[in-house]
Every structure is written in structure tokens, then in C-alpha cells.
Amino acid sequence: MKRRTRDLSSPDITPLIDVVFLLLIFFMVSTVFKKDELALLLSLPQTQEGESIAADNDQIIIEVGDSELAYNGEKTQIEGLDPFLEKISDKTKAIDLRIDKKVPYERLVKVLDKLKHYELTNLSLITEK
């Protein structure tokens, strides 16, 4: 008489691997990527026309609020801008100015004076379209 052998059954993990990869892809695609490190909530002025610029990881963003100022997402005061601006070696580096529409003109002039003092003239004024 022939002896019966039992086949050891092991679960098929191929569908499990597929599900894991689908979940991985889903979370990668649905994750919100942080475009800019913006420190201040600003109400930017609106324009009818303008051109879009590509986001650059090496750009400098200066945000000017009514009573606050931020340099690349780090809050500071106008006087505290000097150490940041001194470190910039490339004088042609693009600087994006995000200015709240309620900012007094005198405050804006102070920021522009600081930039001119360090010979940083490649400025872009960011607005909402």
C-alpha cells in the first residue's frame, strides 16, 4: 500500500506584495510636498498679468509682513537681516520678495535699502494672479 504524503501548503504572498506596493505608491502620490517654507501668512496683491517662475531650491525668499519679516522661513526683524545677507556670495542670486499689501511703504524701503547695501539687485516681486 502506498503511503500518502501531505503537501505542506504555504500561503501565496504575491497578492500581499501587490497590495503593499499599491499602498506605497498611493501614499507617495497623495503626500503633500512642501513647496516653500513660508513663515508668514501674507495677503499678496493681485495682478492681471505676470509670468510664472519655476521654483528653485537655491532661491532666497524674503517675506515682509505688517510687523514681521522672514528670511527663507525663519522669522527675524529688519535689523536681523544683515547676517543672512552678508553670507550671500553670489550677488546675482534670485531673491523673491513676498510683500503683504498692507505693508507701509517706509518698511518696504528699509528692506530694499538693506538689499541694495549688499548689492543684491536680482529681485522678483511675488503676487497672486
N, C-alpha and C. Protein backbone atom coordinates (compact mmCIF):
# COMPACT_ATOMS: atom_id res chain seq x y z
N MET A 1 0.82 -1.16 0.00
CA MET A 1 0.00 0.00 0.00
C MET A 1 0.88 1.25 0.00
N LYS A 2 0.47 2.17 -0.75
CA LYS A 2 1.22 3.41 -0.92
C LYS A 2 0.90 4.38 0.22
N ARG A 3 1.93 4.95 0.73
CA ARG A 3 1.74 5.87 1.83
C ARG A 3 1.42 7.26 1.29
N ARG A 4 0.44 7.88 1.91
CA ARG A 4 0.04 9.21 1.47
C ARG A 4 0.92 10.25 2.15
N THR A 5 1.35 11.20 1.37
CA THR A 5 2.12 12.30 1.93
C THR A 5 1.28 13.57 1.86
N ARG A 6 1.43 14.32 2.85
CA ARG A 6 0.70 15.58 2.86
C ARG A 6 1.54 16.68 2.26
N ASP A 7 0.93 17.44 1.40
CA ASP A 7 1.61 18.61 0.85
C ASP A 7 1.45 19.75 1.84
N LEU A 8 2.56 20.29 2.20
CA LEU A 8 2.51 21.44 3.08
C LEU A 8 2.11 22.65 2.24
N SER A 9 1.01 23.22 2.61
CA SER A 9 0.55 24.37 1.84
C SER A 9 1.07 25.65 2.51
N SER A 10 1.59 26.51 1.69
CA SER A 10 2.05 27.80 2.20
C SER A 10 1.22 28.88 1.50
N PRO A 11 0.90 29.92 2.21
CA PRO A 11 0.06 30.96 1.60
C PRO A 11 0.81 31.66 0.47
N ASP A 12 0.06 32.02 -0.52
CA ASP A 12 0.63 32.75 -1.66
C ASP A 12 0.73 34.23 -1.28
N ILE A 13 1.93 34.75 -1.23
CA ILE A 13 2.10 36.14 -0.78
C ILE A 13 2.20 37.13 -1.94
N THR A 14 2.04 36.66 -3.15
CA THR A 14 2.10 37.55 -4.30
C THR A 14 1.05 38.66 -4.22
N PRO A 15 -0.22 38.35 -3.90
CA PRO A 15 -1.18 39.46 -3.79
C PRO A 15 -0.85 40.42 -2.65
N LEU A 16 -0.26 39.89 -1.59
CA LEU A 16 0.13 40.75 -0.47
C LEU A 16 1.20 41.75 -0.91
N ILE A 17 2.16 41.31 -1.67
CA ILE A 17 3.21 42.20 -2.17
C ILE A 17 2.60 43.27 -3.09
N ASP A 18 1.66 42.86 -3.92
CA ASP A 18 0.99 43.82 -4.80
C ASP A 18 0.27 44.90 -3.99
N VAL A 19 -0.42 44.48 -2.96
CA VAL A 19 -1.16 45.44 -2.12
C VAL A 19 -0.19 46.39 -1.43
N VAL A 20 0.91 45.88 -0.93
CA VAL A 20 1.90 46.73 -0.25
C VAL A 20 2.46 47.76 -1.21
N PHE A 21 2.79 47.36 -2.43
CA PHE A 21 3.31 48.31 -3.41
C PHE A 21 2.25 49.34 -3.80
N LEU A 22 1.00 48.93 -3.94
CA LEU A 22 -0.06 49.89 -4.26
C LEU A 22 -0.24 50.90 -3.13
N LEU A 23 -0.18 50.43 -1.89
CA LEU A 23 -0.27 51.36 -0.77
C LEU A 23 0.91 52.32 -0.74
N LEU A 24 2.07 51.81 -1.01
CA LEU A 24 3.26 52.65 -1.05
C LEU A 24 3.13 53.74 -2.11
N ILE A 25 2.70 53.36 -3.29
CA ILE A 25 2.51 54.33 -4.38
C ILE A 25 1.43 55.34 -4.02
N PHE A 26 0.34 54.86 -3.42
CA PHE A 26 -0.74 55.76 -3.03
C PHE A 26 -0.25 56.83 -2.05
N PHE A 27 0.49 56.42 -1.02
CA PHE A 27 0.96 57.39 -0.03
C PHE A 27 2.02 58.32 -0.61
N MET A 28 2.83 57.84 -1.52
CA MET A 28 3.82 58.72 -2.14
C MET A 28 3.15 59.79 -2.99
N VAL A 29 2.11 59.42 -3.72
CA VAL A 29 1.43 60.36 -4.60
C VAL A 29 0.53 61.31 -3.82
N SER A 30 -0.10 60.84 -2.78
CA SER A 30 -1.07 61.67 -2.06
C SER A 30 -0.43 62.56 -0.99
N THR A 31 0.84 62.38 -0.73
CA THR A 31 1.52 63.21 0.25
C THR A 31 1.67 64.62 -0.29
N VAL A 32 1.40 65.58 0.56
CA VAL A 32 1.56 66.97 0.16
C VAL A 32 3.01 67.34 0.35
N PHE A 33 3.65 67.72 -0.74
CA PHE A 33 5.04 68.13 -0.67
C PHE A 33 5.09 69.61 -0.35
N LYS A 34 5.94 70.00 0.54
CA LYS A 34 6.07 71.38 0.95
C LYS A 34 6.88 72.12 -0.11
N LYS A 35 6.23 73.04 -0.82
CA LYS A 35 6.93 73.76 -1.87
C LYS A 35 7.85 74.83 -1.31
N ASP A 36 7.30 75.68 -0.51
CA ASP A 36 8.07 76.78 0.06
C ASP A 36 7.92 76.75 1.55
N GLU A 37 8.97 77.11 2.20
CA GLU A 37 8.88 77.25 3.64
C GLU A 37 8.50 78.68 3.94
N LEU A 38 7.22 78.92 4.01
CA LEU A 38 6.73 80.26 4.24
C LEU A 38 6.39 80.42 5.71
N ALA A 39 6.88 81.49 6.28
CA ALA A 39 6.72 81.68 7.72
C ALA A 39 5.54 82.58 8.04
N LEU A 40 5.18 83.47 7.13
CA LEU A 40 4.14 84.44 7.42
C LEU A 40 2.93 84.23 6.52
N LEU A 41 1.76 84.48 7.07
CA LEU A 41 0.54 84.46 6.27
C LEU A 41 0.35 85.85 5.69
N LEU A 42 0.56 85.96 4.40
CA LEU A 42 0.51 87.26 3.76
C LEU A 42 -0.68 87.35 2.82
N SER A 43 -1.21 88.53 2.69
CA SER A 43 -2.24 88.81 1.70
C SER A 43 -1.55 89.53 0.56
N LEU A 44 -1.16 88.77 -0.45
CA LEU A 44 -0.39 89.34 -1.55
C LEU A 44 -1.29 90.14 -2.49
N PRO A 45 -0.76 91.19 -3.09
CA PRO A 45 -1.54 91.93 -4.08
C PRO A 45 -1.78 91.07 -5.31
N GLN A 46 -2.84 91.38 -6.03
CA GLN A 46 -3.18 90.62 -7.23
C GLN A 46 -2.80 91.41 -8.48
N THR A 47 -2.45 90.67 -9.54
CA THR A 47 -2.11 91.28 -10.81
C THR A 47 -2.95 90.67 -11.90
N GLN A 48 -3.13 91.42 -12.96
CA GLN A 48 -3.85 90.91 -14.12
C GLN A 48 -2.93 90.07 -15.00
N GLU A 49 -1.72 90.53 -15.15
CA GLU A 49 -0.75 89.84 -15.99
C GLU A 49 0.52 89.59 -15.19
N GLY A 50 1.26 88.64 -15.63
CA GLY A 50 2.52 88.31 -14.98
C GLY A 50 2.99 86.98 -15.50
N GLU A 51 4.20 86.66 -15.17
CA GLU A 51 4.74 85.39 -15.63
C GLU A 51 5.05 84.50 -14.45
N SER A 52 4.88 83.22 -14.67
CA SER A 52 5.19 82.24 -13.62
C SER A 52 6.68 81.95 -13.66
N ILE A 53 7.22 81.74 -12.50
CA ILE A 53 8.62 81.37 -12.43
C ILE A 53 8.72 79.99 -11.81
N ALA A 54 9.72 79.25 -12.23
CA ALA A 54 9.91 77.90 -11.70
C ALA A 54 10.53 77.99 -10.31
N ALA A 55 10.07 77.13 -9.43
CA ALA A 55 10.62 77.10 -8.08
C ALA A 55 12.02 76.53 -8.11
N ASP A 56 12.91 77.20 -7.42
CA ASP A 56 14.29 76.79 -7.37
C ASP A 56 14.64 76.51 -5.91
N ASN A 57 15.31 75.42 -5.66
CA ASN A 57 15.66 75.07 -4.28
C ASN A 57 16.70 76.02 -3.71
N ASP A 58 17.43 76.71 -4.57
CA ASP A 58 18.52 77.58 -4.14
C ASP A 58 18.09 79.04 -4.06
N GLN A 59 16.80 79.32 -4.17
CA GLN A 59 16.34 80.70 -4.17
C GLN A 59 16.23 81.25 -2.76
N ILE A 60 16.19 82.55 -2.68
CA ILE A 60 16.04 83.23 -1.40
C ILE A 60 14.65 83.84 -1.37
N ILE A 61 13.92 83.60 -0.30
CA ILE A 61 12.58 84.15 -0.16
C ILE A 61 12.56 85.06 1.06
N ILE A 62 12.23 86.32 0.83
CA ILE A 62 12.09 87.28 1.92
C ILE A 62 10.62 87.66 1.98
N GLU A 63 10.02 87.45 3.13
CA GLU A 63 8.61 87.77 3.34
C GLU A 63 8.52 89.00 4.23
N VAL A 64 7.77 89.99 3.77
CA VAL A 64 7.63 91.24 4.53
C VAL A 64 6.17 91.38 4.93
N GLY A 65 5.93 91.28 6.24
CA GLY A 65 4.59 91.45 6.77
C GLY A 65 4.45 92.82 7.41
N ASP A 66 3.27 93.09 7.92
CA ASP A 66 2.99 94.39 8.53
C ASP A 66 3.90 94.66 9.72
N SER A 67 4.15 93.65 10.53
CA SER A 67 5.01 93.85 11.70
C SER A 67 6.11 92.79 11.80
N GLU A 68 6.12 91.84 10.87
CA GLU A 68 7.10 90.76 10.91
C GLU A 68 7.85 90.68 9.59
N LEU A 69 8.97 89.97 9.64
CA LEU A 69 9.78 89.75 8.46
C LEU A 69 10.34 88.33 8.56
N ALA A 70 10.49 87.64 7.44
CA ALA A 70 11.05 86.29 7.46
C ALA A 70 12.03 86.12 6.31
N TYR A 71 13.11 85.42 6.57
CA TYR A 71 14.12 85.10 5.57
C TYR A 71 14.16 83.59 5.42
N ASN A 72 13.75 83.09 4.26
CA ASN A 72 13.70 81.65 3.98
C ASN A 72 12.99 80.87 5.09
N GLY A 73 11.86 81.39 5.53
CA GLY A 73 11.05 80.69 6.52
C GLY A 73 11.44 80.93 7.96
N GLU A 74 12.48 81.72 8.20
CA GLU A 74 12.94 81.99 9.56
C GLU A 74 12.59 83.43 9.92
N LYS A 75 11.77 83.60 10.94
CA LYS A 75 11.32 84.94 11.34
C LYS A 75 12.48 85.74 11.91
N THR A 76 12.49 87.01 11.55
CA THR A 76 13.54 87.92 12.02
C THR A 76 12.99 89.34 11.98
N GLN A 77 13.82 90.30 12.30
CA GLN A 77 13.49 91.71 12.18
C GLN A 77 14.34 92.31 11.07
N ILE A 78 14.05 93.54 10.70
CA ILE A 78 14.82 94.17 9.61
C ILE A 78 16.30 94.25 9.99
N GLU A 79 16.59 94.55 11.26
CA GLU A 79 17.98 94.62 11.70
C GLU A 79 18.63 93.24 11.69
N GLY A 80 17.85 92.20 11.88
CA GLY A 80 18.37 90.84 11.89
C GLY A 80 18.60 90.26 10.52
N LEU A 81 18.33 91.05 9.48
CA LEU A 81 18.52 90.58 8.11
C LEU A 81 19.99 90.61 7.70
N ASP A 82 20.78 91.48 8.33
CA ASP A 82 22.19 91.66 7.95
C ASP A 82 23.01 90.37 7.96
N PRO A 83 22.96 89.55 9.01
CA PRO A 83 23.79 88.33 8.98
C PRO A 83 23.43 87.39 7.83
N PHE A 84 22.15 87.33 7.48
CA PHE A 84 21.75 86.48 6.36
C PHE A 84 22.26 87.02 5.04
N LEU A 85 22.15 88.33 4.86
CA LEU A 85 22.54 88.94 3.59
C LEU A 85 24.05 88.97 3.42
N GLU A 86 24.80 89.04 4.51
CA GLU A 86 26.26 89.02 4.41
C GLU A 86 26.78 87.70 3.87
N LYS A 87 26.07 86.61 4.17
CA LYS A 87 26.52 85.28 3.78
C LYS A 87 26.35 84.99 2.29
N ILE A 88 25.57 85.81 1.59
CA ILE A 88 25.30 85.56 0.18
C ILE A 88 26.52 85.98 -0.63
N SER A 89 27.17 85.00 -1.25
CA SER A 89 28.37 85.31 -2.04
C SER A 89 28.02 85.60 -3.51
N ASP A 90 26.98 84.95 -4.03
CA ASP A 90 26.57 85.15 -5.42
C ASP A 90 25.60 86.33 -5.47
N LYS A 91 26.08 87.47 -5.93
CA LYS A 91 25.27 88.70 -5.94
C LYS A 91 24.18 88.67 -7.01
N THR A 92 24.23 87.70 -7.92
CA THR A 92 23.20 87.60 -8.96
C THR A 92 22.12 86.59 -8.60
N LYS A 93 22.18 86.05 -7.40
CA LYS A 93 21.19 85.06 -6.96
C LYS A 93 19.81 85.70 -6.91
N ALA A 94 18.81 84.96 -7.36
CA ALA A 94 17.44 85.47 -7.40
C ALA A 94 16.87 85.56 -5.99
N ILE A 95 16.24 86.69 -5.73
CA ILE A 95 15.60 86.93 -4.44
C ILE A 95 14.13 87.22 -4.69
N ASP A 96 13.26 86.40 -4.09
CA ASP A 96 11.82 86.59 -4.22
C ASP A 96 11.31 87.38 -3.02
N LEU A 97 10.68 88.50 -3.28
CA LEU A 97 10.10 89.33 -2.23
C LEU A 97 8.60 89.09 -2.21
N ARG A 98 8.10 88.59 -1.09
CA ARG A 98 6.67 88.42 -0.87
C ARG A 98 6.25 89.50 0.11
N ILE A 99 5.51 90.48 -0.37
CA ILE A 99 5.19 91.65 0.44
C ILE A 99 3.68 91.73 0.61
N ASP A 100 3.25 91.81 1.86
CA ASP A 100 1.84 91.95 2.16
C ASP A 100 1.35 93.29 1.61
N LYS A 101 0.10 93.31 1.13
CA LYS A 101 -0.39 94.55 0.52
C LYS A 101 -0.67 95.64 1.54
N LYS A 102 -0.64 95.34 2.81
CA LYS A 102 -0.88 96.34 3.85
C LYS A 102 0.41 96.86 4.47
N VAL A 103 1.55 96.47 3.94
CA VAL A 103 2.83 96.90 4.49
C VAL A 103 3.05 98.38 4.19
N PRO A 104 3.42 99.16 5.21
CA PRO A 104 3.72 100.57 4.95
C PRO A 104 4.91 100.71 4.01
N TYR A 105 4.85 101.71 3.18
CA TYR A 105 5.88 101.94 2.17
C TYR A 105 7.26 102.12 2.81
N GLU A 106 7.31 102.77 3.96
CA GLU A 106 8.58 103.02 4.64
C GLU A 106 9.26 101.70 5.02
N ARG A 107 8.49 100.72 5.44
CA ARG A 107 9.05 99.41 5.82
C ARG A 107 9.64 98.71 4.59
N LEU A 108 8.95 98.81 3.48
CA LEU A 108 9.47 98.21 2.25
C LEU A 108 10.76 98.88 1.81
N VAL A 109 10.83 100.19 1.93
CA VAL A 109 12.03 100.92 1.55
C VAL A 109 13.22 100.50 2.41
N LYS A 110 12.98 100.24 3.70
CA LYS A 110 14.06 99.79 4.58
C LYS A 110 14.62 98.44 4.12
N VAL A 111 13.72 97.54 3.73
CA VAL A 111 14.17 96.21 3.25
C VAL A 111 14.94 96.37 1.95
N LEU A 112 14.44 97.20 1.04
CA LEU A 112 15.14 97.42 -0.23
C LEU A 112 16.49 98.08 -0.02
N ASP A 113 16.59 98.97 0.97
CA ASP A 113 17.88 99.59 1.29
C ASP A 113 18.89 98.55 1.76
N LYS A 114 18.43 97.61 2.59
CA LYS A 114 19.32 96.54 3.05
C LYS A 114 19.84 95.72 1.87
N LEU A 115 18.94 95.39 0.96
CA LEU A 115 19.34 94.59 -0.21
C LEU A 115 20.31 95.37 -1.09
N LYS A 116 20.07 96.65 -1.25
CA LYS A 116 20.95 97.47 -2.08
C LYS A 116 22.32 97.62 -1.42
N HIS A 117 22.35 97.73 -0.10
CA HIS A 117 23.61 97.85 0.63
C HIS A 117 24.51 96.64 0.37
N TYR A 118 23.93 95.46 0.26
CA TYR A 118 24.69 94.24 -0.01
C TYR A 118 24.76 93.92 -1.49
N GLU A 119 24.37 94.87 -2.35
CA GLU A 119 24.45 94.76 -3.82
C GLU A 119 23.65 93.58 -4.35
N LEU A 120 22.50 93.32 -3.76
CA LEU A 120 21.61 92.25 -4.21
C LEU A 120 20.49 92.92 -4.99
N THR A 121 20.54 92.80 -6.30
CA THR A 121 19.59 93.53 -7.15
C THR A 121 18.71 92.64 -8.02
N ASN A 122 18.91 91.34 -7.98
CA ASN A 122 18.10 90.43 -8.79
C ASN A 122 16.83 90.08 -8.02
N LEU A 123 15.86 91.00 -8.04
CA LEU A 123 14.66 90.86 -7.23
C LEU A 123 13.46 90.50 -8.07
N SER A 124 12.56 89.71 -7.47
CA SER A 124 11.26 89.41 -8.07
C SER A 124 10.20 89.69 -7.02
N LEU A 125 9.19 90.45 -7.42
CA LEU A 125 8.07 90.73 -6.52
C LEU A 125 7.00 89.68 -6.79
N ILE A 126 6.65 88.90 -5.78
CA ILE A 126 5.69 87.80 -5.92
C ILE A 126 4.30 88.32 -5.63
N THR A 127 3.38 88.02 -6.54
CA THR A 127 1.99 88.42 -6.39
C THR A 127 1.09 87.22 -6.64
N GLU A 128 -0.21 87.40 -6.39
CA GLU A 128 -1.19 86.38 -6.74
C GLU A 128 -1.83 86.77 -8.04
N LYS A 129 -2.16 85.79 -8.83
CA LYS A 129 -2.78 86.06 -10.12
C LYS A 129 -4.26 85.84 -10.03
